[in-house]
Protein backbone atom coordinates (compact mmCIF):
# COMPACT_ATOMS: atom_id res chain seq x y z
CA UNK A 1 12.75 2.35 9.41
CA UNK A 2 13.54 5.77 10.79
CA UNK A 3 11.90 7.98 8.20
CA UNK A 4 11.05 11.43 9.45
CA UNK A 5 9.47 12.55 6.19
CA UNK A 6 5.71 12.72 5.90
CA UNK A 7 4.53 10.11 3.45
CA UNK A 8 1.53 10.82 1.25
CA UNK A 9 -0.70 8.42 -0.67
CA UNK A 10 -0.45 10.18 -4.04
CA UNK A 11 3.32 10.69 -3.98
CA UNK A 12 4.58 7.68 -2.03
CA UNK A 13 2.00 4.87 -1.88
CA UNK A 14 -0.07 4.92 -5.07
CA UNK A 15 3.08 4.56 -7.26
CA UNK A 16 3.87 1.27 -5.47
CA UNK A 17 0.76 -0.31 -6.96
CA UNK A 18 1.15 -1.31 -10.60
CA UNK A 19 -1.69 -1.25 -13.10
CA UNK A 20 -1.81 -5.06 -12.97
CA UNK A 21 -2.20 -4.93 -9.16
CA UNK A 22 -5.00 -2.38 -9.44
CA UNK A 23 -6.87 -4.42 -12.05
CA UNK A 24 -6.42 -7.66 -10.09
CA UNK A 25 -7.96 -6.16 -6.92
CA UNK A 26 -10.73 -4.04 -8.43
CA UNK A 27 -13.29 -6.73 -7.54
CA UNK A 28 -12.75 -5.78 -3.88
CA UNK A 29 -11.48 -2.19 -3.91
CA UNK A 30 -9.47 0.26 -6.01
CA UNK A 31 -5.77 0.40 -5.15
CA UNK A 32 -5.57 3.72 -7.00
CA UNK A 33 -8.24 5.29 -4.77
CA UNK A 34 -6.95 7.00 -1.62
CA UNK A 35 -10.21 6.35 0.24
CA UNK A 36 -10.30 2.67 -0.73
CA UNK A 37 -6.68 2.07 0.29
CA UNK A 38 -7.15 4.02 3.53
CA UNK A 39 -10.31 2.05 4.37
CA UNK A 40 -8.60 -1.29 3.64
CA UNK A 41 -5.08 -0.44 4.86
CA UNK A 42 -5.00 -3.02 7.68
CA UNK A 43 -5.95 -5.85 5.33
CA UNK A 44 -3.58 -4.65 2.62
CA UNK A 45 -0.69 -4.48 5.08
CA UNK A 46 -1.48 -7.96 6.38
CA UNK A 47 -1.39 -9.37 2.84
CA UNK A 48 1.82 -7.49 2.04
CA UNK A 49 3.54 -8.79 5.18
CA UNK A 50 2.40 -12.35 4.43
CA UNK A 51 3.80 -11.97 0.91
CA UNK A 52 0.62 -12.96 -0.91
CA UNK A 53 -0.02 -9.50 -2.30
CA UNK A 54 0.68 -8.74 -5.04
CA UNK A 55 -0.18 -12.10 -6.46
CA UNK A 56 2.96 -12.44 -8.61
CA UNK A 57 5.48 -12.06 -5.78
CA UNK A 58 6.07 -10.31 -2.49
CA UNK A 59 7.09 -6.68 -2.25
CA UNK A 60 10.61 -5.94 -1.07
CA UNK A 61 10.70 -5.21 2.68
CA UNK A 62 11.49 -1.56 1.92
CA UNK A 63 8.13 -1.12 0.17
CA UNK A 64 6.24 -2.92 2.95
CA UNK A 65 7.98 -0.66 5.47
CA UNK A 66 7.00 2.42 3.43
CA UNK A 67 3.33 1.34 3.45
CA UNK A 68 3.51 0.65 7.20
CA UNK A 69 5.14 4.05 7.83
CA UNK A 70 2.43 5.76 5.81
CA UNK A 71 -0.21 4.06 7.97
CA UNK A 72 1.57 4.94 11.22
CA UNK A 73 2.03 8.52 10.04
CA UNK A 74 -1.71 9.12 9.70
CA UNK A 75 -2.36 7.94 6.12
CA UNK A 76 -2.00 11.35 4.50
CA UNK A 77 -3.55 11.82 1.05
């Protein structure tokens, strides 16, 4: 994906996580918390790529690529 835009957590990543996703994962970390997602980004990406997160079906590749691009771009808030 050749995005040149700077992706931010609040504007680009947080909206990808639904309320049901946030509630399902709150036992481990808060998907609506920038710090929690940043701290767990490698594990989240691994689960997204494997297709077992979220639990009710894999994200479209475009959303996985957006998360990956956000990570590679420095995980801006």
